[in-house]
């Protein structure tokens, strides 16, 4: 495959992606339907979530037309299998964007697509098994980077540029076709997914990008000359994606959380907690990815010794250790300790206090009722002219409605006064 064919494929992928993404952006940002108060219409929101399909269509169309024109020469089977596997994974991601799928089902489809790639590439059984496992691992690692605006697009752009360099320097130049169109497609889509994102890659674009990068790296490594350290150089291109996965797994293991339940504990989330902006997090992560990508490309081209790869690996390990020290989860709510005395004593104290206050209020009510009933009994007309024993009971009553007998003026006890009253009657 010549250089002009690579450039033409990249330009075609760029223009197709830009045109489709611009149209999708206009529809997604269209004012909502008047019948739906507040927010965008559900159809527009779904279009924003599946905006990565525009990059998939742009890259896939340009690559497919180049294959149809015979641009891949003898490697048409390998490139065709690579494009077919990436298309299967992208279709799976589109379904997942519209209706979430089980993790086991997604892994099964990704494994089947990886097996298709290694079979059409003609790899040996051992190399095919290792390549399939690598493709599934790196695909999901790159897909996890889609947790901030522009992050996966920037990192994928840098990684695809490194794969393009490795494919042009050594190996089969036809394998540079998909990395070229991927670089162009991601560059055209970056303007729409940059913060604030108008369109998102979603599972469609994220899984397509991760699968294309992982499978291209596996095939470029298999086609590398025997004298080059491709076994160490190409895995360095996925350093940041694997570091993010390791960061998440270690953090969730320490916090006793379910490892497959996604939450705000990725690289960009932790950078945001130390007051790094969303665009700043994307730029820092892309620069972080550029160091191992550039080192791996130079090692692949025999311009650096493989020992230099230890530097970005050590720096990545130190960065992961530093990010682990940034708190990612909210502290759990702790309830006050409960004991037998603490459960009963305050309740009893409160109830006894309420009982005492009620008793005091009742006493005050009775006293006020008695004081008000005494003059009424003295001046009531029923005290003399009514039937014996009925005048006092009818005239003197407390506020609660109970009859009250006024105390005798002589100061005698109440029992003696009651006996004297009965004798007089």
Protein backbone atom coordinates (compact mmCIF):
# COMPACT_ATOMS: atom_id res chain seq x y z
CA UNK A 1 0.00 0.00 0.00
CA UNK A 2 1.48 3.38 -0.99
CA UNK A 3 1.62 6.55 1.00
CA UNK A 4 -0.87 8.34 -1.26
CA UNK A 5 -3.46 5.64 -0.58
CA UNK A 6 -2.96 6.06 3.18
CA UNK A 7 -3.36 9.83 2.94
CA UNK A 8 -6.47 9.57 0.74
CA UNK A 9 -8.10 7.13 3.16
CA UNK A 10 -7.38 9.41 6.08
CA UNK A 11 -8.77 12.48 4.32
CA UNK A 12 -11.93 10.59 3.37
CA UNK A 13 -12.43 9.39 6.95
CA UNK A 14 -11.94 12.94 8.24
CA UNK A 15 -14.49 14.52 5.90
CA UNK A 16 -17.11 11.80 6.38
CA UNK A 17 -16.82 11.95 10.17
CA UNK A 18 -16.98 15.75 10.28
CA UNK A 19 -20.04 15.88 8.00
CA UNK A 20 -21.96 13.19 9.90
CA UNK A 21 -21.02 14.57 13.32
CA UNK A 22 -22.07 18.08 12.32
CA UNK A 23 -25.47 16.82 11.16
CA UNK A 24 -25.95 14.76 14.32
CA UNK A 25 -24.96 17.74 16.44
CA UNK A 26 -27.57 19.96 14.80
CA UNK A 27 -30.28 17.42 15.47
CA UNK A 28 -29.12 16.84 19.05
CA UNK A 29 -29.05 20.57 19.86
CA UNK A 30 -32.40 21.28 18.21
CA UNK A 31 -34.91 22.88 20.66
CA UNK A 32 -37.06 20.39 22.49
CA UNK A 33 -40.63 19.60 21.60
CA UNK A 34 -43.04 22.13 23.18
CA UNK A 35 -45.18 19.32 24.62
CA UNK A 36 -42.25 18.15 26.75
CA UNK A 37 -41.56 20.69 29.50
CA UNK A 38 -37.87 21.20 30.26
CA UNK A 39 -34.83 19.42 28.84
CA UNK A 40 -34.18 17.96 25.43
CA UNK A 41 -36.34 15.43 23.73
CA UNK A 42 -35.50 11.80 24.48
CA UNK A 43 -34.66 11.22 20.81
CA UNK A 44 -32.11 14.04 20.81
CA UNK A 45 -30.57 12.78 24.05
CA UNK A 46 -30.21 9.29 22.61
CA UNK A 47 -28.55 10.80 19.54
CA UNK A 48 -26.03 12.60 21.71
CA UNK A 49 -25.31 9.39 23.60
CA UNK A 50 -24.75 7.42 20.38
CA UNK A 51 -22.81 10.16 18.62
CA UNK A 52 -19.78 7.88 18.36
CA UNK A 53 -21.58 6.04 15.57
CA UNK A 54 -20.66 8.94 13.26
CA UNK A 55 -16.93 8.28 13.82
CA UNK A 56 -17.52 4.54 13.34
CA UNK A 57 -19.29 5.13 10.03
CA UNK A 58 -16.62 7.55 8.84
CA UNK A 59 -13.71 5.26 9.69
CA UNK A 60 -15.46 2.11 8.47
CA UNK A 61 -16.55 3.64 5.17
CA UNK A 62 -13.11 5.00 4.33
CA UNK A 63 -11.40 1.73 5.25
CA UNK A 64 -13.95 -0.39 3.40
CA UNK A 65 -13.65 1.65 0.20
CA UNK A 66 -9.85 1.42 0.38
CA UNK A 67 -10.10 -2.36 0.75
CA UNK A 68 -12.52 -2.56 -2.17
CA UNK A 69 -10.07 -0.60 -4.34
CA UNK A 70 -7.34 -3.10 -3.45
CA UNK A 71 -5.31 -0.80 -1.25
CA UNK A 72 -4.35 -3.52 1.24
CA UNK A 73 -2.68 -5.79 -1.34
CA UNK A 74 -1.84 -9.19 0.16
CA UNK A 75 -3.01 -8.23 3.69
CA UNK A 76 -6.63 -7.74 2.61
CA UNK A 77 -7.72 -10.74 4.71
CA UNK A 78 -6.11 -9.41 7.87
CA UNK A 79 -7.40 -5.86 7.41
CA UNK A 80 -10.85 -7.13 6.39
CA UNK A 81 -11.07 -9.33 9.48
CA UNK A 82 -9.91 -6.43 11.62
CA UNK A 83 -12.61 -4.16 10.20
CA UNK A 84 -15.29 -6.87 10.52
CA UNK A 85 -14.43 -7.55 14.17
CA UNK A 86 -14.45 -3.84 14.99
CA UNK A 87 -17.82 -3.48 13.27
CA UNK A 88 -19.31 -6.32 15.31
CA UNK A 89 -18.12 -4.76 18.54
CA UNK A 90 -19.46 -1.35 17.45
CA UNK A 91 -22.88 -2.86 16.74
CA UNK A 92 -22.80 -4.43 20.20
CA UNK A 93 -21.98 -1.03 21.70
CA UNK A 94 -24.86 0.60 19.85
CA UNK A 95 -27.30 -1.91 21.32
CA UNK A 96 -25.76 -1.35 24.75
CA UNK A 97 -26.23 2.43 24.42
CA UNK A 98 -29.92 1.98 23.71
CA UNK A 99 -30.53 -0.86 26.18
CA UNK A 100 -27.80 -1.99 28.65
CA UNK A 101 -26.60 -5.55 28.14
CA UNK A 102 -25.12 -8.07 30.54
CA UNK A 103 -21.36 -7.99 31.01
CA UNK A 104 -21.06 -11.70 30.20
CA UNK A 105 -22.84 -11.20 26.87
CA UNK A 106 -20.58 -8.32 25.91
CA UNK A 107 -17.45 -10.29 26.78
CA UNK A 108 -18.70 -13.25 24.75
CA UNK A 109 -19.31 -11.12 21.66
CA UNK A 110 -15.94 -9.37 22.04
CA UNK A 111 -14.20 -12.73 22.34
CA UNK A 112 -15.94 -14.01 19.21
CA UNK A 113 -14.89 -10.89 17.28
CA UNK A 114 -11.29 -11.28 18.49
CA UNK A 115 -11.26 -14.93 17.40
CA UNK A 116 -12.52 -13.85 13.97
CA UNK A 117 -9.63 -11.40 13.65
CA UNK A 118 -6.92 -13.87 14.63
CA UNK A 119 -8.37 -16.60 12.40
CA UNK A 120 -8.51 -14.38 9.30
CA UNK A 121 -4.99 -13.14 10.06
CA UNK A 122 -3.68 -16.72 10.05
CA UNK A 123 -2.04 -16.69 13.48
CA UNK A 124 -0.80 -19.87 15.10
CA UNK A 125 -2.98 -21.41 17.86
CA UNK A 126 -0.80 -20.19 20.73
CA UNK A 127 -0.32 -16.73 19.27
CA UNK A 128 -4.02 -16.60 18.39
CA UNK A 129 -5.13 -17.36 21.95
CA UNK A 130 -2.76 -14.78 23.42
CA UNK A 131 -3.81 -12.20 20.83
CA UNK A 132 -7.52 -12.82 21.49
CA UNK A 133 -7.06 -12.39 25.24
CA UNK A 134 -5.02 -9.25 24.69
CA UNK A 135 -7.65 -7.78 22.34
CA UNK A 136 -10.51 -8.35 24.81
CA UNK A 137 -8.49 -6.93 27.72
CA UNK A 138 -7.33 -3.79 25.93
CA UNK A 139 -10.74 -3.20 24.33
CA UNK A 140 -12.42 -2.95 27.72
CA UNK A 141 -9.51 -0.96 29.17
CA UNK A 142 -9.85 1.70 26.48
CA UNK A 143 -13.65 1.67 26.78
CA UNK A 144 -13.31 2.55 30.48
CA UNK A 145 -11.50 5.77 29.51
CA UNK A 146 -14.75 7.20 28.19
CA UNK A 147 -15.61 8.77 31.54
CA UNK A 148 -14.87 12.43 30.73
CA UNK A 149 -15.39 14.77 27.80
CA UNK A 150 -12.70 14.32 25.17
CA UNK A 151 -10.58 11.92 27.25
CA UNK A 152 -10.86 8.71 25.22
CA UNK A 153 -10.80 10.63 21.94
CA UNK A 154 -7.52 12.36 22.83
CA UNK A 155 -5.85 9.22 24.21
CA UNK A 156 -7.08 7.13 21.26
CA UNK A 157 -5.75 9.73 18.83
CA UNK A 158 -2.29 9.60 20.41
CA UNK A 159 -2.29 5.78 20.52
CA UNK A 160 -3.45 5.43 16.91
CA UNK A 161 -0.68 7.79 15.82
CA UNK A 162 1.86 5.54 17.57
CA UNK A 163 0.44 2.44 15.87
CA UNK A 164 0.57 4.21 12.52
CA UNK A 165 4.24 5.00 13.08
CA UNK A 166 5.04 1.41 14.01
CA UNK A 167 3.16 0.08 10.96
CA UNK A 168 5.03 2.41 8.61
CA UNK A 169 8.45 1.78 10.14
CA UNK A 170 8.30 -2.00 10.07
CA UNK A 171 5.94 -4.87 9.53
CA UNK A 172 3.27 -4.86 6.86
CA UNK A 173 2.47 -1.33 5.58
CA UNK A 174 -1.08 -2.45 4.74
CA UNK A 175 -1.77 -2.65 8.50
CA UNK A 176 -1.36 1.14 8.60
CA UNK A 177 -4.72 1.56 6.84
CA UNK A 178 -7.01 1.27 9.87
CA UNK A 179 -4.76 3.33 12.22
CA UNK A 180 -4.68 6.08 9.60
CA UNK A 181 -8.43 6.29 9.20
CA UNK A 182 -8.83 6.02 12.97
CA UNK A 183 -6.52 8.99 13.54
CA UNK A 184 -8.49 11.05 11.03
CA UNK A 185 -11.88 9.99 12.36
CA UNK A 186 -11.00 10.71 16.00
CA UNK A 187 -9.50 14.07 15.03
CA UNK A 188 -12.72 15.04 13.27
CA UNK A 189 -14.85 13.90 16.20
CA UNK A 190 -12.69 15.56 18.87
CA UNK A 191 -14.22 18.99 18.25
CA UNK A 192 -17.69 17.67 19.08
CA UNK A 193 -16.75 15.63 22.16
CA UNK A 194 -14.52 18.29 23.74
CA UNK A 195 -15.84 19.89 26.90
CA UNK A 196 -18.67 20.78 26.96
CA UNK A 197 -19.43 17.75 24.83
CA UNK A 198 -22.17 18.09 22.22
CA UNK A 199 -21.78 14.47 21.19
CA UNK A 200 -20.41 11.47 23.07
CA UNK A 201 -18.53 8.44 21.89
CA UNK A 202 -20.71 6.20 24.02
CA UNK A 203 -20.27 2.45 24.05
CA UNK A 204 -20.46 2.42 20.24
CA UNK A 205 -17.43 4.60 19.61
CA UNK A 206 -15.54 3.55 22.75
CA UNK A 207 -15.62 -0.18 22.04
CA UNK A 208 -14.90 0.36 18.34
CA UNK A 209 -11.88 2.52 19.18
CA UNK A 210 -10.54 0.12 21.80
CA UNK A 211 -11.01 -2.94 19.59
CA UNK A 212 -9.40 -1.28 16.57
CA UNK A 213 -6.38 -0.18 18.61
CA UNK A 214 -5.95 -3.53 20.38
CA UNK A 215 -6.38 -5.66 17.26
CA UNK A 216 -4.14 -3.42 15.15
CA UNK A 217 -1.42 -3.63 17.79
CA UNK A 218 -1.67 -7.43 17.93
CA UNK A 219 -1.41 -7.78 14.13
CA UNK A 220 1.43 -5.24 13.85
CA UNK A 221 3.35 -7.11 16.54
CA UNK A 222 2.81 -10.41 14.72
CA UNK A 223 4.06 -8.92 11.44
CA UNK A 224 7.11 -7.25 13.00
CA UNK A 225 10.60 -8.38 11.97
CA UNK A 226 12.11 -10.97 14.26
CA UNK A 227 15.03 -8.77 15.29
CA UNK A 228 12.87 -6.05 16.85
CA UNK A 229 11.54 -5.89 20.40
CA UNK A 230 7.90 -5.65 19.36
CA UNK A 231 6.87 -7.84 22.31
CA UNK A 232 7.87 -5.00 24.65
CA UNK A 233 7.26 -1.96 22.48
CA UNK A 234 3.63 -2.38 21.40
CA UNK A 235 2.15 -3.20 24.83
CA UNK A 236 3.55 0.15 25.99
CA UNK A 237 1.04 1.89 23.75
CA UNK A 238 -1.82 0.76 26.03
CA UNK A 239 -0.09 1.89 29.24
CA UNK A 240 -2.58 4.58 30.26
CA UNK A 241 -5.65 2.46 29.54
CA UNK A 242 -4.25 -0.45 31.57
CA UNK A 243 -3.20 1.96 34.34
CA UNK A 244 -6.75 3.29 34.62
CA UNK A 245 -8.12 -0.26 34.85
CA UNK A 246 -5.55 -1.17 37.51
CA UNK A 247 -6.36 2.02 39.45
CA UNK A 248 -10.06 1.20 39.45
CA UNK A 249 -9.65 -2.44 40.43
CA UNK A 250 -7.22 -1.70 43.27
CA UNK A 251 -9.34 1.14 44.59
CA UNK A 252 -12.55 -0.89 44.58
CA UNK A 253 -10.77 -3.85 46.15
CA UNK A 254 -9.57 -1.69 49.01
CA UNK A 255 -13.03 -0.19 49.52
CA UNK A 256 -14.72 -3.63 49.33
CA UNK A 257 -16.81 -2.56 46.33
CA UNK A 258 -18.07 -4.62 43.42
CA UNK A 259 -15.34 -4.43 40.74
CA UNK A 260 -17.69 -4.29 37.72
CA UNK A 261 -19.98 -1.53 39.01
CA UNK A 262 -18.78 1.70 37.47
CA UNK A 263 -18.47 4.77 39.68
CA UNK A 264 -16.50 8.03 39.89
CA UNK A 265 -13.08 6.57 40.68
CA UNK A 266 -11.23 6.81 37.35
CA UNK A 267 -8.26 9.00 36.43
CA UNK A 268 -10.23 12.07 35.38
CA UNK A 269 -12.51 11.83 38.43
CA UNK A 270 -9.56 11.92 40.79
CA UNK A 271 -7.94 14.79 38.89
CA UNK A 272 -11.19 16.72 39.20
CA UNK A 273 -11.05 16.27 42.99
CA UNK A 274 -7.72 18.12 43.06
CA UNK A 275 -9.27 21.03 41.11
CA UNK A 276 -8.14 20.06 37.60
CA UNK A 277 -10.63 21.16 34.95
CA UNK A 278 -12.28 18.70 32.57
CA UNK A 279 -10.24 19.87 29.53
CA UNK A 280 -7.14 19.91 31.72
CA UNK A 281 -7.73 16.29 32.74
CA UNK A 282 -8.04 15.27 29.09
CA UNK A 283 -4.85 17.12 28.15
CA UNK A 284 -2.87 15.72 31.08
CA UNK A 285 -3.99 12.17 30.34
CA UNK A 286 -3.16 12.54 26.64
CA UNK A 287 0.33 13.84 27.52
CA UNK A 288 0.72 10.95 29.94
CA UNK A 289 -0.19 8.53 27.13
CA UNK A 290 2.17 10.25 24.70
CA UNK A 291 5.26 9.37 26.78
CA UNK A 292 4.98 5.54 26.61
CA UNK A 293 3.60 5.73 23.05
CA UNK A 294 6.60 7.72 21.82
CA UNK A 295 9.01 5.51 23.76
CA UNK A 296 7.42 2.34 22.39
CA UNK A 297 7.52 3.64 18.82
CA UNK A 298 11.20 4.55 19.15
CA UNK A 299 12.01 1.14 20.63
CA UNK A 300 10.06 -0.56 17.82
CA UNK A 301 12.11 1.41 15.27
CA UNK A 302 15.38 0.28 16.95
CA UNK A 303 16.22 3.85 17.88
CA UNK A 304 16.13 3.17 21.64
CA UNK A 305 17.09 0.21 23.76
CA UNK A 306 14.14 -1.71 25.26
CA UNK A 307 15.43 -0.84 28.73
CA UNK A 308 14.17 2.71 28.19
CA UNK A 309 10.63 1.34 28.46
CA UNK A 310 11.20 0.96 32.19
CA UNK A 311 11.05 4.74 32.58
CA UNK A 312 7.43 5.23 31.44
CA UNK A 313 6.41 2.06 33.27
CA UNK A 314 7.93 3.33 36.51
CA UNK A 315 6.37 6.75 36.02
CA UNK A 316 2.97 5.16 35.40
CA UNK A 317 3.27 3.07 38.56
CA UNK A 318 4.16 6.18 40.57
CA UNK A 319 1.22 8.07 39.06
CA UNK A 320 -1.19 5.25 39.96
CA UNK A 321 0.15 5.22 43.52
CA UNK A 322 -0.33 8.99 43.78
CA UNK A 323 -3.88 8.79 42.38
CA UNK A 324 -4.76 6.09 44.89
CA UNK A 325 -4.09 8.58 47.69
CA UNK A 326 -6.80 10.89 46.37
CA UNK A 327 -10.12 9.94 48.02
CA UNK A 328 -12.60 8.69 45.45
CA UNK A 329 -15.55 7.58 47.59
CA UNK A 330 -17.71 9.46 50.06
CA UNK A 331 -17.09 8.46 53.69
CA UNK A 332 -19.75 6.05 55.02
CA UNK A 333 -22.35 7.40 57.41
CA UNK A 334 -21.63 6.24 60.93
CA UNK A 335 -24.49 5.85 63.44
CA UNK A 336 -23.89 6.60 67.15
CA UNK A 337 -23.14 3.50 69.24
CA UNK A 338 -26.18 1.95 70.85
CA UNK A 339 -26.07 0.27 74.25
CA UNK A 340 -28.75 -0.97 76.64
CA UNK A 341 -28.49 2.06 78.90
CA UNK A 342 -28.38 4.53 76.02
CA UNK A 343 -31.53 3.08 74.51
CA UNK A 344 -33.60 3.08 77.72
CA UNK A 345 -32.32 5.85 79.98
CA UNK A 346 -33.06 8.86 77.74
CA UNK A 347 -36.50 7.49 76.95
CA UNK A 348 -37.35 6.89 80.54
CA UNK A 349 -36.03 10.28 81.56
CA UNK A 350 -38.05 12.00 78.90
CA UNK A 351 -41.20 10.07 79.78
CA UNK A 352 -40.79 10.77 83.51
CA UNK A 353 -40.24 14.46 82.79
CA UNK A 354 -43.38 14.55 80.64
CA UNK A 355 -45.36 12.76 83.36
CA UNK A 356 -44.14 15.24 85.98
CA UNK A 357 -45.07 18.19 83.81
CA UNK A 358 -48.51 16.71 83.13
CA UNK A 359 -49.06 16.13 86.90
CA UNK A 360 -48.03 19.68 87.73
CA UNK A 361 -50.36 21.04 85.04
CA UNK A 362 -53.24 18.93 86.37
CA UNK A 363 -52.60 20.19 89.89
CA UNK A 364 -52.61 23.78 88.71
CA UNK A 365 -55.85 23.16 86.84
CA UNK A 366 -57.53 21.60 89.88
CA UNK A 367 -56.39 24.42 92.14
CA UNK A 368 -57.64 27.08 89.77
CA UNK A 369 -60.92 25.20 89.38
CA UNK A 370 -61.43 25.01 93.16
CA UNK A 371 -60.67 28.68 93.63
CA UNK A 372 -63.18 29.65 90.98
CA UNK A 373 -65.87 27.32 92.30
CA UNK A 374 -65.94 28.64 95.89
CA UNK A 375 -67.59 32.00 95.24
CA UNK A 376 -69.99 30.40 92.78
CA UNK A 377 -71.17 27.99 95.50
CA UNK A 378 -71.71 30.83 97.95
CA UNK A 379 -73.74 32.95 95.60
CA UNK A 380 -75.62 30.28 93.72
CA UNK A 381 -79.38 30.42 94.30
CA UNK A 382 -79.56 26.66 94.40
CA UNK A 383 -77.53 26.56 97.58
CA UNK A 384 -80.55 27.36 99.79
CA UNK A 385 -83.75 26.83 97.81
CA UNK A 386 -82.94 23.64 96.01
CA UNK A 387 -83.22 20.15 97.23
CA UNK A 388 -80.94 19.06 100.06
CA UNK A 389 -77.50 18.02 98.82
CA UNK A 390 -78.10 19.30 95.25
CA UNK A 391 -77.39 23.00 95.44
CA UNK A 392 -73.70 22.72 96.14
CA UNK A 393 -73.16 19.94 93.63
CA UNK A 394 -75.02 21.83 90.90
CA UNK A 395 -73.30 25.18 91.47
CA UNK A 396 -69.73 24.27 92.39
CA UNK A 397 -67.89 22.42 89.66
CA UNK A 398 -64.23 22.42 88.57
CA UNK A 399 -63.00 23.23 85.11
CA UNK A 400 -62.90 19.48 84.40
CA UNK A 401 -66.63 19.20 85.24
CA UNK A 402 -66.26 17.37 88.61
CA UNK A 403 -68.37 18.56 91.63
CA UNK A 404 -66.47 20.36 94.36
CA UNK A 405 -67.47 20.93 97.99
CA UNK A 406 -66.20 24.25 99.44
CA UNK A 407 -64.18 23.99 102.62
CA UNK A 408 -66.02 24.91 105.87
CA UNK A 409 -65.32 28.36 107.29
CA UNK A 410 -64.54 26.96 110.72
CA UNK A 411 -61.43 25.21 109.50
CA UNK A 412 -62.73 21.78 110.58
CA UNK A 413 -61.65 18.75 108.63
CA UNK A 414 -63.50 17.94 105.45
CA UNK A 415 -64.91 14.67 106.85
CA UNK A 416 -66.49 16.43 109.87
CA UNK A 417 -67.94 19.12 107.64
CA UNK A 418 -69.54 16.48 105.44
CA UNK A 419 -71.04 14.73 108.56
CA UNK A 420 -72.45 18.01 109.91
CA UNK A 421 -74.01 18.82 106.56
CA UNK A 422 -75.69 15.42 106.51
CA UNK A 423 -77.10 15.91 110.02
CA UNK A 424 -78.51 19.30 109.09
CA UNK A 425 -80.16 17.81 106.04
